[in-house]
């Protein structure tokens, strides 16, 4: 299945799904604000969603750039005054040592092994010395749980286009030399907005169990990494 067909669908016909990402993106913004000491941080966000992260950082005075493979997503950001370019992580169209921070949330799991290896090296390249790389990936996702078949062509594919499975150990092992992990941990993000009382109770119980040490599905790995050389 062509990944761009999946992206195009969500960027044109299912943009409401991005609202579920707000708690995760708010968390990334809060972490980024704590680590940056620059007067005007230069940041890159790879995989834009609906532009929530970009809007939040613009309000904080950041200089934010966006990159996404779907032109529709980039056009929406440009209308809001956000600079964006069409491209992919494995061929970042930026000079080396350009950014203080690179965001990459729920992107790495969509890449092939080769794209992942090259993409991480590209992130390292465009970061300034002592720059930060932060983002998220699904934790211990069973890829088979979301495999579906196209009723028209019979092709089997992951409904979200995921190709990679991560846990804390694997994410640590695939980083290029010169990256240092500052923080890596499991988090359970819950979007409370728009859910009914029954689902809120279920979500609260799931969150309680998470903090008590009982881990289940839909958890996220948060990572904060520094370029040290």
C-alpha atoms as a PDB file:
ATOM      1  CA  UNK A   1       0.000   0.000   0.000  1.00  0.00           C
ATOM      2  CA  UNK A   2       1.364   3.419  -0.998  1.00  0.00           C
ATOM      3  CA  UNK A   3       1.861   5.394   2.218  1.00  0.00           C
ATOM      4  CA  UNK A   4       0.962   8.656   0.481  1.00  0.00           C
ATOM      5  CA  UNK A   5      -2.536   7.326  -0.252  1.00  0.00           C
ATOM      6  CA  UNK A   6      -3.050   6.829   3.484  1.00  0.00           C
ATOM      7  CA  UNK A   7      -1.654  10.290   4.298  1.00  0.00           C
ATOM      8  CA  UNK A   8      -3.787  11.939   1.623  1.00  0.00           C
ATOM      9  CA  UNK A   9      -6.953  10.386   3.023  1.00  0.00           C
ATOM     10  CA  UNK A  10      -6.334  11.658   6.541  1.00  0.00           C
ATOM     11  CA  UNK A  11      -5.166  15.088   5.345  1.00  0.00           C
ATOM     12  CA  UNK A  12      -8.201  15.665   3.103  1.00  0.00           C
ATOM     13  CA  UNK A  13     -11.135  13.626   4.418  1.00  0.00           C
ATOM     14  CA  UNK A  14     -10.350  12.728   8.029  1.00  0.00           C
ATOM     15  CA  UNK A  15      -8.621  15.755   9.518  1.00  0.00           C
ATOM     16  CA  UNK A  16     -10.818  15.549  12.635  1.00  0.00           C
ATOM     17  CA  UNK A  17      -8.773  12.555  13.812  1.00  0.00           C
ATOM     18  CA  UNK A  18      -5.853  14.866  14.579  1.00  0.00           C
ATOM     19  CA  UNK A  19      -7.724  16.283  17.570  1.00  0.00           C
ATOM     20  CA  UNK A  20      -6.870  13.081  19.453  1.00  0.00           C
ATOM     21  CA  UNK A  21      -3.193  14.051  19.215  1.00  0.00           C
ATOM     22  CA  UNK A  22      -3.580  17.271  21.216  1.00  0.00           C
ATOM     23  CA  UNK A  23      -2.559  15.841  24.649  1.00  0.00           C
ATOM     24  CA  UNK A  24       0.542  14.274  23.102  1.00  0.00           C
ATOM     25  CA  UNK A  25       1.511  17.462  21.256  1.00  0.00           C
ATOM     26  CA  UNK A  26       0.907  19.651  24.321  1.00  0.00           C
ATOM     27  CA  UNK A  27       3.291  17.380  26.198  1.00  0.00           C
ATOM     28  CA  UNK A  28       5.976  17.775  23.522  1.00  0.00           C
ATOM     29  CA  UNK A  29       5.592  21.548  23.535  1.00  0.00           C
ATOM     30  CA  UNK A  30       5.948  21.667  27.328  1.00  0.00           C
ATOM     31  CA  UNK A  31       9.110  19.546  27.221  1.00  0.00           C
ATOM     32  CA  UNK A  32      10.606  21.598  24.402  1.00  0.00           C
ATOM     33  CA  UNK A  33      10.030  24.861  26.286  1.00  0.00           C
ATOM     34  CA  UNK A  34      11.935  23.508  29.285  1.00  0.00           C
ATOM     35  CA  UNK A  35      15.043  22.446  27.381  1.00  0.00           C
ATOM     36  CA  UNK A  36      15.531  25.431  25.060  1.00  0.00           C
ATOM     37  CA  UNK A  37      17.554  28.372  26.291  1.00  0.00           C
ATOM     38  CA  UNK A  38      17.658  30.181  22.959  1.00  0.00           C
ATOM     39  CA  UNK A  39      16.089  33.597  22.462  1.00  0.00           C
ATOM     40  CA  UNK A  40      14.437  32.481  19.218  1.00  0.00           C
ATOM     41  CA  UNK A  41      14.644  28.695  18.820  1.00  0.00           C
ATOM     42  CA  UNK A  42      14.735  27.321  15.282  1.00  0.00           C
ATOM     43  CA  UNK A  43      12.725  24.109  15.059  1.00  0.00           C
ATOM     44  CA  UNK A  44      11.611  21.579  12.474  1.00  0.00           C
ATOM     45  CA  UNK A  45       8.491  19.444  12.779  1.00  0.00           C
ATOM     46  CA  UNK A  46       8.471  16.322  10.610  1.00  0.00           C
ATOM     47  CA  UNK A  47       4.915  15.119   9.903  1.00  0.00           C
ATOM     48  CA  UNK A  48       2.583  18.026  10.579  1.00  0.00           C
ATOM     49  CA  UNK A  49      -0.878  16.604  11.286  1.00  0.00           C
ATOM     50  CA  UNK A  50      -3.168  19.607  11.467  1.00  0.00           C
ATOM     51  CA  UNK A  51      -0.497  22.108  12.529  1.00  0.00           C
ATOM     52  CA  UNK A  52      -1.357  22.214  16.237  1.00  0.00           C
ATOM     53  CA  UNK A  53       2.269  21.962  17.357  1.00  0.00           C
ATOM     54  CA  UNK A  54       3.365  24.666  14.922  1.00  0.00           C
ATOM     55  CA  UNK A  55       0.667  27.059  16.134  1.00  0.00           C
ATOM     56  CA  UNK A  56       1.589  26.523  19.766  1.00  0.00           C
ATOM     57  CA  UNK A  57       5.290  27.187  19.172  1.00  0.00           C
ATOM     58  CA  UNK A  58       4.627  30.258  17.021  1.00  0.00           C
ATOM     59  CA  UNK A  59       2.746  31.760  19.976  1.00  0.00           C
ATOM     60  CA  UNK A  60       5.878  31.207  22.056  1.00  0.00           C
ATOM     61  CA  UNK A  61       8.022  33.128  19.558  1.00  0.00           C
ATOM     62  CA  UNK A  62       9.704  30.122  17.954  1.00  0.00           C
ATOM     63  CA  UNK A  63      10.819  30.042  14.332  1.00  0.00           C
ATOM     64  CA  UNK A  64       9.123  26.839  13.195  1.00  0.00           C
ATOM     65  CA  UNK A  65       9.455  24.972   9.907  1.00  0.00           C
ATOM     66  CA  UNK A  66       7.331  22.029   8.797  1.00  0.00           C
ATOM     67  CA  UNK A  67       7.899  19.054   6.552  1.00  0.00           C
ATOM     68  CA  UNK A  68       5.277  16.636   5.264  1.00  0.00           C
ATOM     69  CA  UNK A  69       4.979  14.360   2.206  1.00  0.00           C
ATOM     70  CA  UNK A  70       1.468  15.653   1.466  1.00  0.00           C
ATOM     71  CA  UNK A  71       1.215  19.064  -0.207  1.00  0.00           C
ATOM     72  CA  UNK A  72      -2.341  19.596   1.108  1.00  0.00           C
ATOM     73  CA  UNK A  73      -1.048  19.609   4.685  1.00  0.00           C
ATOM     74  CA  UNK A  74       1.691  22.101   3.868  1.00  0.00           C
ATOM     75  CA  UNK A  75      -0.694  24.414   2.032  1.00  0.00           C
ATOM     76  CA  UNK A  76      -2.936  24.606   5.114  1.00  0.00           C
ATOM     77  CA  UNK A  77       0.022  25.704   7.217  1.00  0.00           C
ATOM     78  CA  UNK A  78       1.187  28.302   4.726  1.00  0.00           C
ATOM     79  CA  UNK A  79      -2.237  29.925   4.858  1.00  0.00           C
ATOM     80  CA  UNK A  80      -1.651  30.372   8.605  1.00  0.00           C
ATOM     81  CA  UNK A  81       1.747  31.953   7.998  1.00  0.00           C
ATOM     82  CA  UNK A  82       3.793  28.862   8.864  1.00  0.00           C
ATOM     83  CA  UNK A  83       6.694  27.999   6.585  1.00  0.00           C
ATOM     84  CA  UNK A  84       6.446  24.444   5.284  1.00  0.00           C
ATOM     85  CA  UNK A  85       7.951  22.240   2.621  1.00  0.00           C
ATOM     86  CA  UNK A  86       6.948  19.002   0.927  1.00  0.00           C
ATOM     87  CA  UNK A  87       9.424  16.203   1.552  1.00  0.00           C
ATOM     88  CA  UNK A  88      10.399  13.124   3.534  1.00  0.00           C
ATOM     89  CA  UNK A  89      12.572  12.433   6.553  1.00  0.00           C
ATOM     90  CA  UNK A  90      15.125  10.404   4.616  1.00  0.00           C
ATOM     91  CA  UNK A  91      15.940  13.391   2.372  1.00  0.00           C
ATOM     92  CA  UNK A  92      15.535  16.524   4.500  1.00  0.00           C
ATOM     93  CA  UNK A  93      15.779  19.630   2.270  1.00  0.00           C
ATOM     94  CA  UNK A  94      17.769  21.646   4.816  1.00  0.00           C
ATOM     95  CA  UNK A  95      21.415  22.506   5.383  1.00  0.00           C
ATOM     96  CA  UNK A  96      23.438  20.732   8.044  1.00  0.00           C
ATOM     97  CA  UNK A  97      23.404  22.240  11.549  1.00  0.00           C
ATOM     98  CA  UNK A  98      20.236  24.265  10.875  1.00  0.00           C
ATOM     99  CA  UNK A  99      17.902  23.554  13.824  1.00  0.00           C
ATOM    100  CA  UNK A 100      17.983  23.780  17.592  1.00  0.00           C
ATOM    101  CA  UNK A 101      15.126  21.269  17.887  1.00  0.00           C
ATOM    102  CA  UNK A 102      13.637  18.616  15.605  1.00  0.00           C
ATOM    103  CA  UNK A 103      10.211  17.159  16.435  1.00  0.00           C
ATOM    104  CA  UNK A 104       9.133  13.780  15.108  1.00  0.00           C
ATOM    105  CA  UNK A 105       5.924  12.494  16.666  1.00  0.00           C
ATOM    106  CA  UNK A 106       4.258   9.284  15.426  1.00  0.00           C
ATOM    107  CA  UNK A 107       6.368   9.194  12.260  1.00  0.00           C
ATOM    108  CA  UNK A 108       9.199   6.682  12.714  1.00  0.00           C
ATOM    109  CA  UNK A 109       6.811   3.725  12.882  1.00  0.00           C
ATOM    110  CA  UNK A 110       5.721   4.441   9.299  1.00  0.00           C
ATOM    111  CA  UNK A 111       9.191   3.931   7.833  1.00  0.00           C
ATOM    112  CA  UNK A 112      10.872   0.908   6.290  1.00  0.00           C
ATOM    113  CA  UNK A 113      14.130  -0.299   7.856  1.00  0.00           C
ATOM    114  CA  UNK A 114      16.156   1.584   5.249  1.00  0.00           C
ATOM    115  CA  UNK A 115      14.098   4.778   5.573  1.00  0.00           C
ATOM    116  CA  UNK A 116      14.423   4.626   9.360  1.00  0.00           C
ATOM    117  CA  UNK A 117      18.205   4.281   9.264  1.00  0.00           C
ATOM    118  CA  UNK A 118      18.681   7.059   6.721  1.00  0.00           C
ATOM    119  CA  UNK A 119      16.029   9.287   8.319  1.00  0.00           C
ATOM    120  CA  UNK A 120      17.673   9.242  11.743  1.00  0.00           C
ATOM    121  CA  UNK A 121      20.995  10.167  10.173  1.00  0.00           C
ATOM    122  CA  UNK A 122      19.284  13.052   8.387  1.00  0.00           C
ATOM    123  CA  UNK A 123      17.816  14.323  11.653  1.00  0.00           C
ATOM    124  CA  UNK A 124      21.292  14.182  13.173  1.00  0.00           C
ATOM    125  CA  UNK A 125      22.706  16.099  10.188  1.00  0.00           C
ATOM    126  CA  UNK A 126      20.271  19.028  10.312  1.00  0.00           C
ATOM    127  CA  UNK A 127      20.496  19.472  14.077  1.00  0.00           C
ATOM    128  CA  UNK A 128      22.921  22.021  15.450  1.00  0.00           C
ATOM    129  CA  UNK A 129      25.576  20.774  17.891  1.00  0.00           C
ATOM    130  CA  UNK A 130      23.854  20.274  21.278  1.00  0.00           C
ATOM    131  CA  UNK A 131      20.483  20.367  19.496  1.00  0.00           C
ATOM    132  CA  UNK A 132      17.535  18.256  20.622  1.00  0.00           C
ATOM    133  CA  UNK A 133      15.517  15.547  18.912  1.00  0.00           C
ATOM    134  CA  UNK A 134      12.214  14.750  20.591  1.00  0.00           C
ATOM    135  CA  UNK A 135       9.069  12.900  19.713  1.00  0.00           C
ATOM    136  CA  UNK A 136       6.996   9.772  20.207  1.00  0.00           C
ATOM    137  CA  UNK A 137       6.337   6.322  18.774  1.00  0.00           C
ATOM    138  CA  UNK A 138       3.780   3.649  19.736  1.00  0.00           C
ATOM    139  CA  UNK A 139       5.009   1.289  22.458  1.00  0.00           C
ATOM    140  CA  UNK A 140       5.035  -2.457  21.740  1.00  0.00           C
ATOM    141  CA  UNK A 141       2.345  -2.221  19.095  1.00  0.00           C
ATOM    142  CA  UNK A 142       1.178  -5.555  17.712  1.00  0.00           C
ATOM    143  CA  UNK A 143       1.188  -4.678  14.022  1.00  0.00           C
ATOM    144  CA  UNK A 144      -1.064  -7.626  13.173  1.00  0.00           C
ATOM    145  CA  UNK A 145      -3.899  -6.142  15.254  1.00  0.00           C
ATOM    146  CA  UNK A 146      -4.433  -3.406  12.655  1.00  0.00           C
ATOM    147  CA  UNK A 147      -3.909  -5.376   9.456  1.00  0.00           C
ATOM    148  CA  UNK A 148      -6.783  -4.975   6.995  1.00  0.00           C
ATOM    149  CA  UNK A 149      -7.493  -6.027   3.419  1.00  0.00           C
ATOM    150  CA  UNK A 150      -8.583  -3.751   0.589  1.00  0.00           C
ATOM    151  CA  UNK A 151     -11.999  -4.972  -0.676  1.00  0.00           C
ATOM    152  CA  UNK A 152     -11.196  -3.744  -4.204  1.00  0.00           C
ATOM    153  CA  UNK A 153      -7.680  -5.035  -4.900  1.00  0.00           C
ATOM    154  CA  UNK A 154      -7.195  -7.562  -2.104  1.00  0.00           C
ATOM    155  CA  UNK A 155      -3.977  -5.941  -0.868  1.00  0.00           C
ATOM    156  CA  UNK A 156      -3.215  -6.485   2.817  1.00  0.00           C
ATOM    157  CA  UNK A 157      -1.877  -3.505   4.762  1.00  0.00           C
ATOM    158  CA  UNK A 158      -1.731  -1.823   8.170  1.00  0.00           C
ATOM    159  CA  UNK A 159      -4.659   0.570   8.475  1.00  0.00           C
ATOM    160  CA  UNK A 160      -2.397   3.404   9.697  1.00  0.00           C
ATOM    161  CA  UNK A 161       0.570   2.495   7.512  1.00  0.00           C
ATOM    162  CA  UNK A 162       2.784   1.318  10.366  1.00  0.00           C
ATOM    163  CA  UNK A 163       5.836  -0.781   9.490  1.00  0.00           C
ATOM    164  CA  UNK A 164       7.911  -0.662  12.675  1.00  0.00           C
ATOM    165  CA  UNK A 165       7.413  -1.961  16.200  1.00  0.00           C
ATOM    166  CA  UNK A 166       9.271  -0.240  19.040  1.00  0.00           C
ATOM    167  CA  UNK A 167      10.030  -0.790  22.678  1.00  0.00           C
ATOM    168  CA  UNK A 168      12.407   1.149  24.923  1.00  0.00           C
ATOM    169  CA  UNK A 169      15.353  -1.102  24.144  1.00  0.00           C
ATOM    170  CA  UNK A 170      14.995  -1.111  20.364  1.00  0.00           C
ATOM    171  CA  UNK A 171      14.544   2.634  20.117  1.00  0.00           C
ATOM    172  CA  UNK A 172      17.741   3.082  22.091  1.00  0.00           C
ATOM    173  CA  UNK A 173      19.675   0.682  19.854  1.00  0.00           C
ATOM    174  CA  UNK A 174      18.861   2.185  16.449  1.00  0.00           C
ATOM    175  CA  UNK A 175      20.154   5.714  17.103  1.00  0.00           C
ATOM    176  CA  UNK A 176      23.176   6.906  15.116  1.00  0.00           C
ATOM    177  CA  UNK A 177      26.470   7.532  16.860  1.00  0.00           C
ATOM    178  CA  UNK A 178      26.597  11.034  18.303  1.00  0.00           C
ATOM    179  CA  UNK A 179      23.089  10.934  19.778  1.00  0.00           C
ATOM    180  CA  UNK A 180      22.668  10.731  23.549  1.00  0.00           C
ATOM    181  CA  UNK A 181      19.365   9.746  25.145  1.00  0.00           C
ATOM    182  CA  UNK A 182      18.369  12.181  27.887  1.00  0.00           C
ATOM    183  CA  UNK A 183      14.957  10.659  28.568  1.00  0.00           C
ATOM    184  CA  UNK A 184      12.963   7.754  27.237  1.00  0.00           C
ATOM    185  CA  UNK A 185       9.795   6.472  28.887  1.00  0.00           C
ATOM    186  CA  UNK A 186       6.318   5.049  28.402  1.00  0.00           C
ATOM    187  CA  UNK A 187       3.351   7.420  28.627  1.00  0.00           C
ATOM    188  CA  UNK A 188      -0.382   6.913  28.284  1.00  0.00           C
ATOM    189  CA  UNK A 189      -2.024   9.906  26.614  1.00  0.00           C
ATOM    190  CA  UNK A 190      -5.801  10.263  26.840  1.00  0.00           C
ATOM    191  CA  UNK A 191      -7.877  12.786  24.935  1.00  0.00           C
ATOM    192  CA  UNK A 192     -10.815  13.545  27.227  1.00  0.00           C
ATOM    193  CA  UNK A 193     -12.520  15.993  24.901  1.00  0.00           C
ATOM    194  CA  UNK A 194     -15.665  14.714  23.218  1.00  0.00           C
ATOM    195  CA  UNK A 195     -15.921  11.329  24.932  1.00  0.00           C
ATOM    196  CA  UNK A 196     -19.030  10.246  26.843  1.00  0.00           C
ATOM    197  CA  UNK A 197     -19.208   9.401  30.533  1.00  0.00           C
ATOM    198  CA  UNK A 198     -18.813   5.645  30.033  1.00  0.00           C
ATOM    199  CA  UNK A 199     -15.665   6.072  27.981  1.00  0.00           C
ATOM    200  CA  UNK A 200     -14.293   8.589  30.488  1.00  0.00           C
ATOM    201  CA  UNK A 201     -14.693   6.063  33.287  1.00  0.00           C
ATOM    202  CA  UNK A 202     -12.960   3.395  31.218  1.00  0.00           C
ATOM    203  CA  UNK A 203     -10.144   5.811  30.339  1.00  0.00           C
ATOM    204  CA  UNK A 204      -9.720   6.834  33.979  1.00  0.00           C
ATOM    205  CA  UNK A 205      -9.456   3.199  35.083  1.00  0.00           C
ATOM    206  CA  UNK A 206      -6.917   2.512  32.340  1.00  0.00           C
ATOM    207  CA  UNK A 207      -4.886   5.524  33.417  1.00  0.00           C
ATOM    208  CA  UNK A 208      -5.032   4.415  37.047  1.00  0.00           C
ATOM    209  CA  UNK A 209      -3.800   0.936  36.144  1.00  0.00           C
ATOM    210  CA  UNK A 210      -0.997   2.466  34.094  1.00  0.00           C
ATOM    211  CA  UNK A 211       0.285   4.463  37.058  1.00  0.00           C
ATOM    212  CA  UNK A 212      -0.009   1.376  39.250  1.00  0.00           C
ATOM    213  CA  UNK A 213       2.340  -0.427  36.868  1.00  0.00           C
ATOM    214  CA  UNK A 214      -0.124  -2.461  34.804  1.00  0.00           C
ATOM    215  CA  UNK A 215       0.674  -1.759  31.160  1.00  0.00           C
ATOM    216  CA  UNK A 216      -1.595  -2.458  28.221  1.00  0.00           C
ATOM    217  CA  UNK A 217      -2.295  -1.247  24.708  1.00  0.00           C
ATOM    218  CA  UNK A 218      -2.164   2.257  23.211  1.00  0.00           C
ATOM    219  CA  UNK A 219       0.835   3.377  25.223  1.00  0.00           C
ATOM    220  CA  UNK A 220       3.401   5.744  23.770  1.00  0.00           C
ATOM    221  CA  UNK A 221       7.170   6.023  24.036  1.00  0.00           C
ATOM    222  CA  UNK A 222       8.413   9.565  24.556  1.00  0.00           C
ATOM    223  CA  UNK A 223      12.037  10.261  23.701  1.00  0.00           C
ATOM    224  CA  UNK A 224      14.326  13.238  24.276  1.00  0.00           C
ATOM    225  CA  UNK A 225      17.707  12.939  22.569  1.00  0.00           C
ATOM    226  CA  UNK A 226      20.649  15.318  22.309  1.00  0.00           C
ATOM    227  CA  UNK A 227      23.208  15.683  19.528  1.00  0.00           C
ATOM    228  CA  UNK A 228      26.532  15.532  21.371  1.00  0.00           C
ATOM    229  CA  UNK A 229      29.064  15.495  18.554  1.00  0.00           C
END
